[in-house]
Amino acid sequence: MNIAITTDGESLDSPVSEKFERCLYMLIVNMNDLSITAINKDQLIGTALEESLALKVLEYDCEAIITGNINQTAFNILADAYVTRYFGAGHSAKDALELSEKQLLKLIKEDCTSHHQ
């Protein structure tokens, strides 16, 4: 099982990004052996970065993502693919991962634009 984490660095000690599309890296963590694939946001090609990031989560067959606020485009891609979305901003990637395993992270049930309308 893979879990994606948007971070401001390339290790599990890095903080979880405040906003999905503003992350510097996306870490793909294989929960079976805890191996990590770090994807540098700058390596993603395409005009809509949030869309490219969301599709990367699907490409790696992640069951969940730990991130900060998600905009509507990325939220819809992830929600439509039944990817569980956890709010982990304010924690290191490692701590957020542990909190998600204990089901102590808040689920992201709507995109960050929904409650501003």
PDB file of N, CA and C in Angstrom:
ATOM      1  N   MET A   1       0.836  -1.186   0.000  1.00  0.00           N
ATOM      2  CA  MET A   1       0.000   0.000   0.000  1.00  0.00           C
ATOM      3  C   MET A   1       0.879   1.247   0.000  1.00  0.00           C
ATOM      4  N   ASN A   2       0.567   2.190  -0.875  1.00  0.00           N
ATOM      5  CA  ASN A   2       1.303   3.444  -0.956  1.00  0.00           C
ATOM      6  C   ASN A   2       0.485   4.598  -0.381  1.00  0.00           C
ATOM      7  N   ILE A   3       1.186   5.516   0.284  1.00  0.00           N
ATOM      8  CA  ILE A   3       0.580   6.751   0.772  1.00  0.00           C
ATOM      9  C   ILE A   3       1.427   7.901   0.253  1.00  0.00           C
ATOM     10  N   ALA A   4       0.772   8.916  -0.294  1.00  0.00           N
ATOM     11  CA  ALA A   4       1.471  10.108  -0.779  1.00  0.00           C
ATOM     12  C   ALA A   4       1.448  11.171   0.318  1.00  0.00           C
ATOM     13  N   ILE A   5       2.548  11.923   0.428  1.00  0.00           N
ATOM     14  CA  ILE A   5       2.615  13.032   1.379  1.00  0.00           C
ATOM     15  C   ILE A   5       3.225  14.225   0.645  1.00  0.00           C
ATOM     16  N   THR A   6       2.536  15.359   0.653  1.00  0.00           N
ATOM     17  CA  THR A   6       3.122  16.557   0.062  1.00  0.00           C
ATOM     18  C   THR A   6       3.950  17.248   1.142  1.00  0.00           C
ATOM     19  N   THR A   7       5.204  17.554   0.808  1.00  0.00           N
ATOM     20  CA  THR A   7       6.126  18.089   1.812  1.00  0.00           C
ATOM     21  C   THR A   7       6.925  19.267   1.266  1.00  0.00           C
ATOM     22  N   ASP A   8       7.615  19.936   2.189  1.00  0.00           N
ATOM     23  CA  ASP A   8       8.485  21.044   1.816  1.00  0.00           C
ATOM     24  C   ASP A   8       9.949  20.601   1.741  1.00  0.00           C
ATOM     25  N   GLY A   9      10.194  19.298   1.773  1.00  0.00           N
ATOM     26  CA  GLY A   9      11.536  18.741   1.670  1.00  0.00           C
ATOM     27  C   GLY A   9      11.451  17.307   1.190  1.00  0.00           C
ATOM     28  N   GLU A  10      12.617  16.654   1.041  1.00  0.00           N
ATOM     29  CA  GLU A  10      12.595  15.315   0.443  1.00  0.00           C
ATOM     30  C   GLU A  10      12.759  14.175   1.436  1.00  0.00           C
ATOM     31  N   SER A  11      12.495  14.426   2.732  1.00  0.00           N
ATOM     32  CA  SER A  11      12.595  13.336   3.707  1.00  0.00           C
ATOM     33  C   SER A  11      11.363  13.330   4.615  1.00  0.00           C
ATOM     34  N   LEU A  12      11.241  12.277   5.400  1.00  0.00           N
ATOM     35  CA  LEU A  12      10.105  12.167   6.323  1.00  0.00           C
ATOM     36  C   LEU A  12      10.192  13.171   7.466  1.00  0.00           C
ATOM     37  N   ASP A  13      11.366  13.794   7.642  1.00  0.00           N
ATOM     38  CA  ASP A  13      11.502  14.831   8.665  1.00  0.00           C
ATOM     39  C   ASP A  13      10.971  16.180   8.173  1.00  0.00           C
ATOM     40  N   SER A  14      10.681  16.274   6.899  1.00  0.00           N
ATOM     41  CA  SER A  14      10.203  17.531   6.310  1.00  0.00           C
ATOM     42  C   SER A  14       8.768  17.819   6.750  1.00  0.00           C
ATOM     43  N   PRO A  15       8.418  19.117   6.828  1.00  0.00           N
ATOM     44  CA  PRO A  15       7.034  19.452   7.189  1.00  0.00           C
ATOM     45  C   PRO A  15       6.064  19.164   6.047  1.00  0.00           C
ATOM     46  N   VAL A  16       4.849  18.780   6.413  1.00  0.00           N
ATOM     47  CA  VAL A  16       3.784  18.602   5.426  1.00  0.00           C
ATOM     48  C   VAL A  16       3.418  19.989   4.893  1.00  0.00           C
ATOM     49  N   SER A  17       3.228  20.090   3.590  1.00  0.00           N
ATOM     50  CA  SER A  17       2.912  21.376   2.953  1.00  0.00           C
ATOM     51  C   SER A  17       1.581  21.925   3.434  1.00  0.00           C
ATOM     52  N   GLU A  18       1.531  23.253   3.559  1.00  0.00           N
ATOM     53  CA  GLU A  18       0.276  23.922   3.955  1.00  0.00           C
ATOM     54  C   GLU A  18      -0.774  23.823   2.854  1.00  0.00           C
ATOM     55  N   LYS A  19      -0.313  23.868   1.598  1.00  0.00           N
ATOM     56  CA  LYS A  19      -1.222  23.777   0.462  1.00  0.00           C
ATOM     57  C   LYS A  19      -0.712  22.715  -0.497  1.00  0.00           C
ATOM     58  N   PHE A  20      -1.625  21.896  -0.983  1.00  0.00           N
ATOM     59  CA  PHE A  20      -1.300  20.787  -1.873  1.00  0.00           C
ATOM     60  C   PHE A  20      -0.418  21.220  -3.027  1.00  0.00           C
ATOM     61  N   GLU A  21      -0.861  22.242  -3.778  1.00  0.00           N
ATOM     62  CA  GLU A  21      -0.146  22.615  -4.998  1.00  0.00           C
ATOM     63  C   GLU A  21       1.115  23.426  -4.741  1.00  0.00           C
ATOM     64  N   ARG A  22       1.366  23.816  -3.503  1.00  0.00           N
ATOM     65  CA  ARG A  22       2.575  24.585  -3.198  1.00  0.00           C
ATOM     66  C   ARG A  22       3.697  23.718  -2.620  1.00  0.00           C
ATOM     67  N   CYS A  23       3.498  22.424  -2.579  1.00  0.00           N
ATOM     68  CA  CYS A  23       4.533  21.544  -2.040  1.00  0.00           C
ATOM     69  C   CYS A  23       5.789  21.618  -2.905  1.00  0.00           C
ATOM     70  N   LEU A  24       6.924  21.316  -2.296  1.00  0.00           N
ATOM     71  CA  LEU A  24       8.171  21.224  -3.062  1.00  0.00           C
ATOM     72  C   LEU A  24       8.392  19.794  -3.530  1.00  0.00           C
ATOM     73  N   TYR A  25       7.924  18.848  -2.718  1.00  0.00           N
ATOM     74  CA  TYR A  25       8.078  17.421  -3.029  1.00  0.00           C
ATOM     75  C   TYR A  25       6.789  16.677  -2.730  1.00  0.00           C
ATOM     76  N   MET A  26       6.649  15.546  -3.399  1.00  0.00           N
ATOM     77  CA  MET A  26       5.631  14.578  -3.017  1.00  0.00           C
ATOM     78  C   MET A  26       6.385  13.296  -2.696  1.00  0.00           C
ATOM     79  N   LEU A  27       6.206  12.824  -1.475  1.00  0.00           N
ATOM     80  CA  LEU A  27       6.835  11.566  -1.079  1.00  0.00           C
ATOM     81  C   LEU A  27       5.824  10.455  -1.260  1.00  0.00           C
ATOM     82  N   ILE A  28       6.228   9.402  -1.936  1.00  0.00           N
ATOM     83  CA  ILE A  28       5.393   8.208  -2.069  1.00  0.00           C
ATOM     84  C   ILE A  28       5.985   7.183  -1.108  1.00  0.00           C
ATOM     85  N   VAL A  29       5.238   6.845  -0.062  1.00  0.00           N
ATOM     86  CA  VAL A  29       5.742   5.929   0.965  1.00  0.00           C
ATOM     87  C   VAL A  29       5.073   4.574   0.789  1.00  0.00           C
ATOM     88  N   ASN A  30       5.906   3.561   0.577  1.00  0.00           N
ATOM     89  CA  ASN A  30       5.402   2.189   0.506  1.00  0.00           C
ATOM     90  C   ASN A  30       5.280   1.704   1.944  1.00  0.00           C
ATOM     91  N   MET A  31       4.068   1.473   2.393  1.00  0.00           N
ATOM     92  CA  MET A  31       3.834   1.136   3.792  1.00  0.00           C
ATOM     93  C   MET A  31       4.266  -0.288   4.137  1.00  0.00           C
ATOM     94  N   ASN A  32       4.531  -1.113   3.134  1.00  0.00           N
ATOM     95  CA  ASN A  32       4.981  -2.480   3.402  1.00  0.00           C
ATOM     96  C   ASN A  32       6.435  -2.526   3.846  1.00  0.00           C
ATOM     97  N   ASP A  33       7.285  -1.715   3.185  1.00  0.00           N
ATOM     98  CA  ASP A  33       8.711  -1.738   3.541  1.00  0.00           C
ATOM     99  C   ASP A  33       9.256  -0.352   3.904  1.00  0.00           C
ATOM    100  N   LEU A  34       8.358   0.647   3.949  1.00  0.00           N
ATOM    101  CA  LEU A  34       8.706   2.035   4.289  1.00  0.00           C
ATOM    102  C   LEU A  34       9.739   2.656   3.334  1.00  0.00           C
ATOM    103  N   SER A  35       9.810   2.135   2.113  1.00  0.00           N
ATOM    104  CA  SER A  35      10.673   2.768   1.123  1.00  0.00           C
ATOM    105  C   SER A  35       9.985   4.048   0.631  1.00  0.00           C
ATOM    106  N   ILE A  36      10.798   5.026   0.232  1.00  0.00           N
ATOM    107  CA  ILE A  36      10.266   6.326  -0.152  1.00  0.00           C
ATOM    108  C   ILE A  36      10.733   6.687  -1.551  1.00  0.00           C
ATOM    109  N   THR A  37       9.798   7.150  -2.369  1.00  0.00           N
ATOM    110  CA  THR A  37      10.119   7.740  -3.655  1.00  0.00           C
ATOM    111  C   THR A  37       9.823   9.223  -3.526  1.00  0.00           C
ATOM    112  N   ALA A  38      10.845  10.067  -3.694  1.00  0.00           N
ATOM    113  CA  ALA A  38      10.653  11.517  -3.595  1.00  0.00           C
ATOM    114  C   ALA A  38      10.521  12.098  -4.997  1.00  0.00           C
ATOM    115  N   ILE A  39       9.417  12.776  -5.244  1.00  0.00           N
ATOM    116  CA  ILE A  39       9.176  13.393  -6.538  1.00  0.00           C
ATOM    117  C   ILE A  39       9.301  14.906  -6.365  1.00  0.00           C
ATOM    118  N   ASN A  40      10.245  15.492  -7.077  1.00  0.00           N
ATOM    119  CA  ASN A  40      10.437  16.940  -7.031  1.00  0.00           C
ATOM    120  C   ASN A  40       9.357  17.580  -7.902  1.00  0.00           C
ATOM    121  N   LYS A  41       8.640  18.525  -7.323  1.00  0.00           N
ATOM    122  CA  LYS A  41       7.563  19.197  -8.053  1.00  0.00           C
ATOM    123  C   LYS A  41       8.056  19.776  -9.368  1.00  0.00           C
ATOM    124  N   ASP A  42       9.294  20.228  -9.409  1.00  0.00           N
ATOM    125  CA  ASP A  42       9.837  20.833 -10.623  1.00  0.00           C
ATOM    126  C   ASP A  42       9.984  19.835 -11.769  1.00  0.00           C
ATOM    127  N   GLN A  43       9.925  18.542 -11.467  1.00  0.00           N
ATOM    128  CA  GLN A  43      10.037  17.522 -12.514  1.00  0.00           C
ATOM    129  C   GLN A  43       8.710  17.288 -13.229  1.00  0.00           C
ATOM    130  N   LEU A  44       7.626  17.811 -12.657  1.00  0.00           N
ATOM    131  CA  LEU A  44       6.314  17.596 -13.258  1.00  0.00           C
ATOM    132  C   LEU A  44       6.114  18.571 -14.404  1.00  0.00           C
ATOM    133  N   ILE A  45       5.620  18.035 -15.494  1.00  0.00           N
ATOM    134  CA  ILE A  45       5.436  18.858 -16.673  1.00  0.00           C
ATOM    135  C   ILE A  45       3.942  19.040 -16.896  1.00  0.00           C
ATOM    136  N   GLY A  46       3.569  20.223 -17.271  1.00  0.00           N
ATOM    137  CA  GLY A  46       2.157  20.482 -17.523  1.00  0.00           C
ATOM    138  C   GLY A  46       1.792  21.847 -16.986  1.00  0.00           C
ATOM    139  N   THR A  47       0.682  22.339 -17.455  1.00  0.00           N
ATOM    140  CA  THR A  47       0.287  23.683 -17.069  1.00  0.00           C
ATOM    141  C   THR A  47      -0.368  23.703 -15.695  1.00  0.00           C
ATOM    142  N   ALA A  48      -1.234  22.752 -15.420  1.00  0.00           N
ATOM    143  CA  ALA A  48      -1.949  22.743 -14.145  1.00  0.00           C
ATOM    144  C   ALA A  48      -1.194  21.860 -13.159  1.00  0.00           C
ATOM    145  N   LEU A  49      -0.410  22.499 -12.315  1.00  0.00           N
ATOM    146  CA  LEU A  49       0.421  21.755 -11.373  1.00  0.00           C
ATOM    147  C   LEU A  49      -0.416  20.891 -10.436  1.00  0.00           C
ATOM    148  N   GLU A  50      -1.524  21.440  -9.922  1.00  0.00           N
ATOM    149  CA  GLU A  50      -2.348  20.661  -8.996  1.00  0.00           C
ATOM    150  C   GLU A  50      -2.895  19.402  -9.664  1.00  0.00           C
ATOM    151  N   GLU A  51      -3.196  19.508 -10.952  1.00  0.00           N
ATOM    152  CA  GLU A  51      -3.689  18.346 -11.691  1.00  0.00           C
ATOM    153  C   GLU A  51      -2.575  17.315 -11.864  1.00  0.00           C
ATOM    154  N   SER A  52      -1.377  17.790 -12.220  1.00  0.00           N
ATOM    155  CA  SER A  52      -0.227  16.890 -12.392  1.00  0.00           C
ATOM    156  C   SER A  52       0.096  16.162 -11.087  1.00  0.00           C
ATOM    157  N   LEU A  53       0.051  16.896  -9.975  1.00  0.00           N
ATOM    158  CA  LEU A  53       0.324  16.277  -8.667  1.00  0.00           C
ATOM    159  C   LEU A  53      -0.721  15.218  -8.334  1.00  0.00           C
ATOM    160  N   ALA A  54      -1.976  15.549  -8.553  1.00  0.00           N
ATOM    161  CA  ALA A  54      -3.060  14.602  -8.247  1.00  0.00           C
ATOM    162  C   ALA A  54      -2.940  13.343  -9.110  1.00  0.00           C
ATOM    163  N   LEU A  55      -2.608  13.520 -10.374  1.00  0.00           N
ATOM    164  CA  LEU A  55      -2.461  12.360 -11.259  1.00  0.00           C
ATOM    165  C   LEU A  55      -1.262  11.503 -10.863  1.00  0.00           C
ATOM    166  N   LYS A  56      -0.228  12.124 -10.289  1.00  0.00           N
ATOM    167  CA  LYS A  56       0.939  11.380  -9.804  1.00  0.00           C
ATOM    168  C   LYS A  56       0.519  10.455  -8.655  1.00  0.00           C
ATOM    169  N   VAL A  57      -0.370  10.936  -7.793  1.00  0.00           N
ATOM    170  CA  VAL A  57      -0.895  10.113  -6.688  1.00  0.00           C
ATOM    171  C   VAL A  57      -1.578   8.868  -7.262  1.00  0.00           C
ATOM    172  N   LEU A  58      -2.353   9.047  -8.326  1.00  0.00           N
ATOM    173  CA  LEU A  58      -3.052   7.922  -8.951  1.00  0.00           C
ATOM    174  C   LEU A  58      -2.070   6.998  -9.672  1.00  0.00           C
ATOM    175  N   GLU A  59      -1.061   7.591 -10.303  1.00  0.00           N
ATOM    176  CA  GLU A  59      -0.061   6.808 -11.032  1.00  0.00           C
ATOM    177  C   GLU A  59       0.652   5.828 -10.097  1.00  0.00           C
ATOM    178  N   TYR A  60       0.909   6.273  -8.863  1.00  0.00           N
ATOM    179  CA  TYR A  60       1.576   5.413  -7.883  1.00  0.00           C
ATOM    180  C   TYR A  60       0.586   4.568  -7.080  1.00  0.00           C
ATOM    181  N   ASP A  61      -0.684   4.609  -7.479  1.00  0.00           N
ATOM    182  CA  ASP A  61      -1.717   3.780  -6.862  1.00  0.00           C
ATOM    183  C   ASP A  61      -1.783   3.988  -5.342  1.00  0.00           C
ATOM    184  N   CYS A  62      -1.744   5.243  -4.919  1.00  0.00           N
ATOM    185  CA  CYS A  62      -1.789   5.559  -3.489  1.00  0.00           C
ATOM    186  C   CYS A  62      -3.216   5.437  -2.961  1.00  0.00           C
ATOM    187  N   GLU A  63      -3.346   4.841  -1.799  1.00  0.00           N
ATOM    188  CA  GLU A  63      -4.659   4.712  -1.178  1.00  0.00           C
ATOM    189  C   GLU A  63      -5.043   5.969  -0.422  1.00  0.00           C
ATOM    190  N   ALA A  64      -4.041   6.765  -0.044  1.00  0.00           N
ATOM    191  CA  ALA A  64      -4.309   7.968   0.735  1.00  0.00           C
ATOM    192  C   ALA A  64      -3.265   9.021   0.425  1.00  0.00           C
ATOM    193  N   ILE A  65      -3.602  10.261   0.775  1.00  0.00           N
ATOM    194  CA  ILE A  65      -2.652  11.360   0.690  1.00  0.00           C
ATOM    195  C   ILE A  65      -2.732  12.171   1.968  1.00  0.00           C
ATOM    196  N   ILE A  66      -1.559  12.589   2.435  1.00  0.00           N
ATOM    197  CA  ILE A  66      -1.485  13.490   3.587  1.00  0.00           C
ATOM    198  C   ILE A  66      -0.967  14.813   3.046  1.00  0.00           C
ATOM    199  N   THR A  67      -1.731  15.886   3.271  1.00  0.00           N
ATOM    200  CA  THR A  67      -1.392  17.169   2.678  1.00  0.00           C
ATOM    201  C   THR A  67      -2.013  18.286   3.497  1.00  0.00           C
ATOM    202  N   GLY A  68      -1.948  19.505   2.950  1.00  0.00           N
ATOM    203  CA  GLY A  68      -2.625  20.645   3.552  1.00  0.00           C
ATOM    204  C   GLY A  68      -3.909  20.895   2.782  1.00  0.00           C
ATOM    205  N   ASN A  69      -4.264  22.147   2.603  1.00  0.00           N
ATOM    206  CA  ASN A  69      -5.475  22.486   1.850  1.00  0.00           C
ATOM    207  C   ASN A  69      -5.333  22.064   0.394  1.00  0.00           C
ATOM    208  N   ILE A  70      -6.440  21.586  -0.166  1.00  0.00           N
ATOM    209  CA  ILE A  70      -6.459  21.115  -1.554  1.00  0.00           C
ATOM    210  C   ILE A  70      -7.422  21.982  -2.353  1.00  0.00           C
ATOM    211  N   ASN A  71      -7.001  22.403  -3.552  1.00  0.00           N
ATOM    212  CA  ASN A  71      -7.927  23.178  -4.376  1.00  0.00           C
ATOM    213  C   ASN A  71      -8.914  22.242  -5.074  1.00  0.00           C
ATOM    214  N   GLN A  72      -9.905  22.828  -5.721  1.00  0.00           N
ATOM    215  CA  GLN A  72     -11.019  22.051  -6.258  1.00  0.00           C
ATOM    216  C   GLN A  72     -10.604  21.039  -7.320  1.00  0.00           C
ATOM    217  N   THR A  73      -9.736  21.439  -8.242  1.00  0.00           N
ATOM    218  CA  THR A  73      -9.323  20.550  -9.329  1.00  0.00           C
ATOM    219  C   THR A  73      -8.692  19.271  -8.785  1.00  0.00           C
ATOM    220  N   ALA A  74      -7.691  19.429  -7.924  1.00  0.00           N
ATOM    221  CA  ALA A  74      -7.002  18.266  -7.355  1.00  0.00           C
ATOM    222  C   ALA A  74      -7.936  17.467  -6.459  1.00  0.00           C
ATOM    223  N   PHE A  75      -8.737  18.154  -5.666  1.00  0.00           N
ATOM    224  CA  PHE A  75      -9.675  17.465  -4.769  1.00  0.00           C
ATOM    225  C   PHE A  75     -10.583  16.530  -5.569  1.00  0.00           C
ATOM    226  N   ASN A  76     -11.139  17.047  -6.663  1.00  0.00           N
ATOM    227  CA  ASN A  76     -12.068  16.240  -7.461  1.00  0.00           C
ATOM    228  C   ASN A  76     -11.390  15.025  -8.077  1.00  0.00           C
ATOM    229  N   ILE A  77     -10.167  15.188  -8.563  1.00  0.00           N
ATOM    230  CA  ILE A  77      -9.423  14.054  -9.140  1.00  0.00           C
ATOM    231  C   ILE A  77      -9.217  12.980  -8.073  1.00  0.00           C
ATOM    232  N   LEU A  78      -8.768  13.402  -6.885  1.00  0.00           N
ATOM    233  CA  LEU A  78      -8.485  12.449  -5.803  1.00  0.00           C
ATOM    234  C   LEU A  78      -9.769  11.818  -5.265  1.00  0.00           C
ATOM    235  N   ALA A  79     -10.797  12.620  -5.069  1.00  0.00           N
ATOM    236  CA  ALA A  79     -12.057  12.105  -4.532  1.00  0.00           C
ATOM    237  C   ALA A  79     -12.703  11.114  -5.506  1.00  0.00           C
ATOM    238  N   ASP A  80     -12.662  11.449  -6.795  1.00  0.00           N
ATOM    239  CA  ASP A  80     -13.254  10.569  -7.808  1.00  0.00           C
ATOM    240  C   ASP A  80     -12.538   9.224  -7.877  1.00  0.00           C
ATOM    241  N   ALA A  81     -11.262   9.199  -7.486  1.00  0.00           N
ATOM    242  CA  ALA A  81     -10.478   7.956  -7.501  1.00  0.00           C
ATOM    243  C   ALA A  81     -10.496   7.268  -6.126  1.00  0.00           C
ATOM    244  N   TYR A  82     -11.325   7.779  -5.217  1.00  0.00           N
ATOM    245  CA  TYR A  82     -11.467   7.213  -3.863  1.00  0.00           C
ATOM    246  C   TYR A  82     -10.162   7.201  -3.068  1.00  0.00           C
ATOM    247  N   VAL A  83      -9.341   8.240  -3.273  1.00  0.00           N
ATOM    248  CA  VAL A  83      -8.118   8.384  -2.483  1.00  0.00           C
ATOM    249  C   VAL A  83      -8.507   9.103  -1.184  1.00  0.00           C
ATOM    250  N   THR A  84      -8.184   8.501  -0.048  1.00  0.00           N
ATOM    251  CA  THR A  84      -8.483   9.122   1.243  1.00  0.00           C
ATOM    252  C   THR A  84      -7.557  10.315   1.439  1.00  0.00           C
ATOM    253  N   ARG A  85      -8.125  11.433   1.872  1.00  0.00           N
ATOM    254  CA  ARG A  85      -7.372  12.674   2.012  1.00  0.00           C
ATOM    255  C   ARG A  85      -7.283  13.067   3.485  1.00  0.00           C
ATOM    256  N   TYR A  86      -6.062  13.174   3.985  1.00  0.00           N
ATOM    257  CA  TYR A  86      -5.829  13.556   5.381  1.00  0.00           C
ATOM    258  C   TYR A  86      -5.174  14.923   5.453  1.00  0.00           C
ATOM    259  N   PHE A  87      -5.585  15.734   6.423  1.00  0.00           N
ATOM    260  CA  PHE A  87      -4.971  17.043   6.645  1.00  0.00           C
ATOM    261  C   PHE A  87      -3.819  16.859   7.626  1.00  0.00           C
ATOM    262  N   GLY A  88      -2.586  17.073   7.125  1.00  0.00           N
ATOM    263  CA  GLY A  88      -1.411  16.838   7.962  1.00  0.00           C
ATOM    264  C   GLY A  88      -0.526  18.054   8.148  1.00  0.00           C
ATOM    265  N   ALA A  89      -0.950  19.231   7.630  1.00  0.00           N
ATOM    266  CA  ALA A  89      -0.140  20.446   7.767  1.00  0.00           C
ATOM    267  C   ALA A  89       0.069  20.742   9.247  1.00  0.00           C
ATOM    268  N   GLY A  90       1.280  21.212   9.564  1.00  0.00           N
ATOM    269  CA  GLY A  90       1.603  21.480  10.962  1.00  0.00           C
ATOM    270  C   GLY A  90       2.370  20.342  11.614  1.00  0.00           C
ATOM    271  N   HIS A  91       2.539  19.251  10.874  1.00  0.00           N
ATOM    272  CA  HIS A  91       3.286  18.081  11.366  1.00  0.00           C
ATOM    273  C   HIS A  91       4.428  17.777  10.407  1.00  0.00           C
ATOM    274  N   SER A  92       5.424  17.041  10.892  1.00  0.00           N
ATOM    275  CA  SER A  92       6.414  16.497   9.968  1.00  0.00           C
ATOM    276  C   SER A  92       5.743  15.344   9.222  1.00  0.00           C
ATOM    277  N   ALA A  93       6.297  14.976   8.086  1.00  0.00           N
ATOM    278  CA  ALA A  93       5.735  13.862   7.317  1.00  0.00           C
ATOM    279  C   ALA A  93       5.694  12.586   8.162  1.00  0.00           C
ATOM    280  N   LYS A  94       6.767  12.347   8.915  1.00  0.00           N
ATOM    281  CA  LYS A  94       6.850  11.147   9.742  1.00  0.00           C
ATOM    282  C   LYS A  94       5.753  11.135  10.806  1.00  0.00           C
ATOM    283  N   ASP A  95       5.581  12.269  11.512  1.00  0.00           N
ATOM    284  CA  ASP A  95       4.544  12.341  12.546  1.00  0.00           C
ATOM    285  C   ASP A  95       3.146  12.210  11.943  1.00  0.00           C
ATOM    286  N   ALA A  96       2.935  12.869  10.793  1.00  0.00           N
ATOM    287  CA  ALA A  96       1.628  12.803  10.134  1.00  0.00           C
ATOM    288  C   ALA A  96       1.308  11.374   9.703  1.00  0.00           C
ATOM    289  N   LEU A  97       2.323  10.650   9.246  1.00  0.00           N
ATOM    290  CA  LEU A  97       2.140   9.255   8.845  1.00  0.00           C
ATOM    291  C   LEU A  97       1.714   8.412  10.042  1.00  0.00           C
ATOM    292  N   GLU A  98       2.385   8.604  11.170  1.00  0.00           N
ATOM    293  CA  GLU A  98       2.028   7.865  12.391  1.00  0.00           C
ATOM    294  C   GLU A  98       0.625   8.230  12.862  1.00  0.00           C
ATOM    295  N   LEU A  99       0.285   9.513  12.811  1.00  0.00           N
ATOM    296  CA  LEU A  99      -1.049   9.955  13.221  1.00  0.00           C
ATOM    297  C   LEU A  99      -2.135   9.379  12.305  1.00  0.00           C
ATOM    298  N   SER A 100      -1.835   9.282  11.014  1.00  0.00           N
ATOM    299  CA  SER A 100      -2.829   8.731  10.086  1.00  0.00           C
ATOM    300  C   SER A 100      -3.058   7.245  10.348  1.00  0.00           C
ATOM    301  N   GLU A 101      -1.994   6.530  10.704  1.00  0.00           N
ATOM    302  CA  GLU A 101      -2.140   5.102  11.009  1.00  0.00           C
ATOM    303  C   GLU A 101      -3.011   4.889  12.245  1.00  0.00           C
ATOM    304  N   LYS A 102      -2.956   5.844  13.172  1.00  0.00           N
ATOM    305  CA  LYS A 102      -3.774   5.773  14.393  1.00  0.00           C
ATOM    306  C   LYS A 102      -5.131   6.442  14.187  1.00  0.00           C
ATOM    307  N   GLN A 103      -5.389   6.871  12.959  1.00  0.00           N
ATOM    308  CA  GLN A 103      -6.633   7.560  12.588  1.00  0.00           C
ATOM    309  C   GLN A 103      -6.860   8.819  13.418  1.00  0.00           C
ATOM    310  N   LEU A 104      -5.775   9.566  13.649  1.00  0.00           N
ATOM    311  CA  LEU A 104      -5.848  10.791  14.431  1.00  0.00           C
ATOM    312  C   LEU A 104      -5.750  12.056  13.576  1.00  0.00           C
ATOM    313  N   LEU A 105      -5.636  11.895  12.260  1.00  0.00           N
ATOM    314  CA  LEU A 105      -5.617  13.064  11.382  1.00  0.00           C
ATOM    315  C   LEU A 105      -7.029  13.332  10.873  1.00  0.00           C
ATOM    316  N   LYS A 106      -7.326  14.603  10.693  1.00  0.00           N
ATOM    317  CA  LYS A 106      -8.633  15.006  10.184  1.00  0.00           C
ATOM    318  C   LYS A 106      -8.742  14.649   8.702  1.00  0.00           C
ATOM    319  N   LEU A 107      -9.884  14.125   8.309  1.00  0.00           N
ATOM    320  CA  LEU A 107     -10.135  13.850   6.895  1.00  0.00           C
ATOM    321  C   LEU A 107     -10.465  15.150   6.184  1.00  0.00           C
ATOM    322  N   ILE A 108      -9.998  15.281   4.957  1.00  0.00           N
ATOM    323  CA  ILE A 108     -10.346  16.442   4.140  1.00  0.00           C
ATOM    324  C   ILE A 108     -11.588  16.045   3.337  1.00  0.00           C
ATOM    325  N   LYS A 109     -12.714  16.642   3.687  1.00  0.00           N
ATOM    326  CA  LYS A 109     -13.980  16.250   3.067  1.00  0.00           C
ATOM    327  C   LYS A 109     -14.442  17.197   1.969  1.00  0.00           C
ATOM    328  N   GLU A 110     -13.760  18.346   1.853  1.00  0.00           N
ATOM    329  CA  GLU A 110     -14.109  19.276   0.772  1.00  0.00           C
ATOM    330  C   GLU A 110     -12.867  20.066   0.386  1.00  0.00           C
ATOM    331  N   ASP A 111     -12.906  20.608  -0.830  1.00  0.00           N
ATOM    332  CA  ASP A 111     -11.752  21.394  -1.259  1.00  0.00           C
ATOM    333  C   ASP A 111     -11.733  22.725  -0.506  1.00  0.00           C
ATOM    334  N   CYS A 112     -10.600  23.389  -0.529  1.00  0.00           N
ATOM    335  CA  CYS A 112     -10.429  24.595   0.292  1.00  0.00           C
ATOM    336  C   CYS A 112     -11.240  25.776  -0.201  1.00  0.00           C
ATOM    337  N   THR A 113     -11.792  25.692  -1.415  1.00  0.00           N
ATOM    338  CA  THR A 113     -12.625  26.793  -1.915  1.00  0.00           C
ATOM    339  C   THR A 113     -14.081  26.633  -1.509  1.00  0.00           C
ATOM    340  N   SER A 114     -14.499  25.449  -1.128  1.00  0.00           N
ATOM    341  CA  SER A 114     -15.907  25.175  -0.834  1.00  0.00           C
ATOM    342  C   SER A 114     -16.466  26.047   0.284  1.00  0.00           C
ATOM    343  N   HIS A 115     -15.705  26.229   1.349  1.00  0.00           N
ATOM    344  CA  HIS A 115     -16.255  26.951   2.479  1.00  0.00           C
ATOM    345  C   HIS A 115     -16.083  28.463   2.353  1.00  0.00           C
ATOM    346  N   HIS A 116     -15.615  28.941   1.205  1.00  0.00           N
ATOM    347  CA  HIS A 116     -15.480  30.388   1.004  1.00  0.00           C
ATOM    348  C   HIS A 116     -16.581  30.940   0.109  1.00  0.00           C
ATOM    349  N   GLN A 117     -17.485  30.072  -0.325  1.00  0.00           N
ATOM    350  CA  GLN A 117     -18.528  30.519  -1.269  1.00  0.00           C
ATOM    351  C   GLN A 117     -19.774  30.977  -0.544  1.00  0.00           C
TER     352      GLN A 117
END
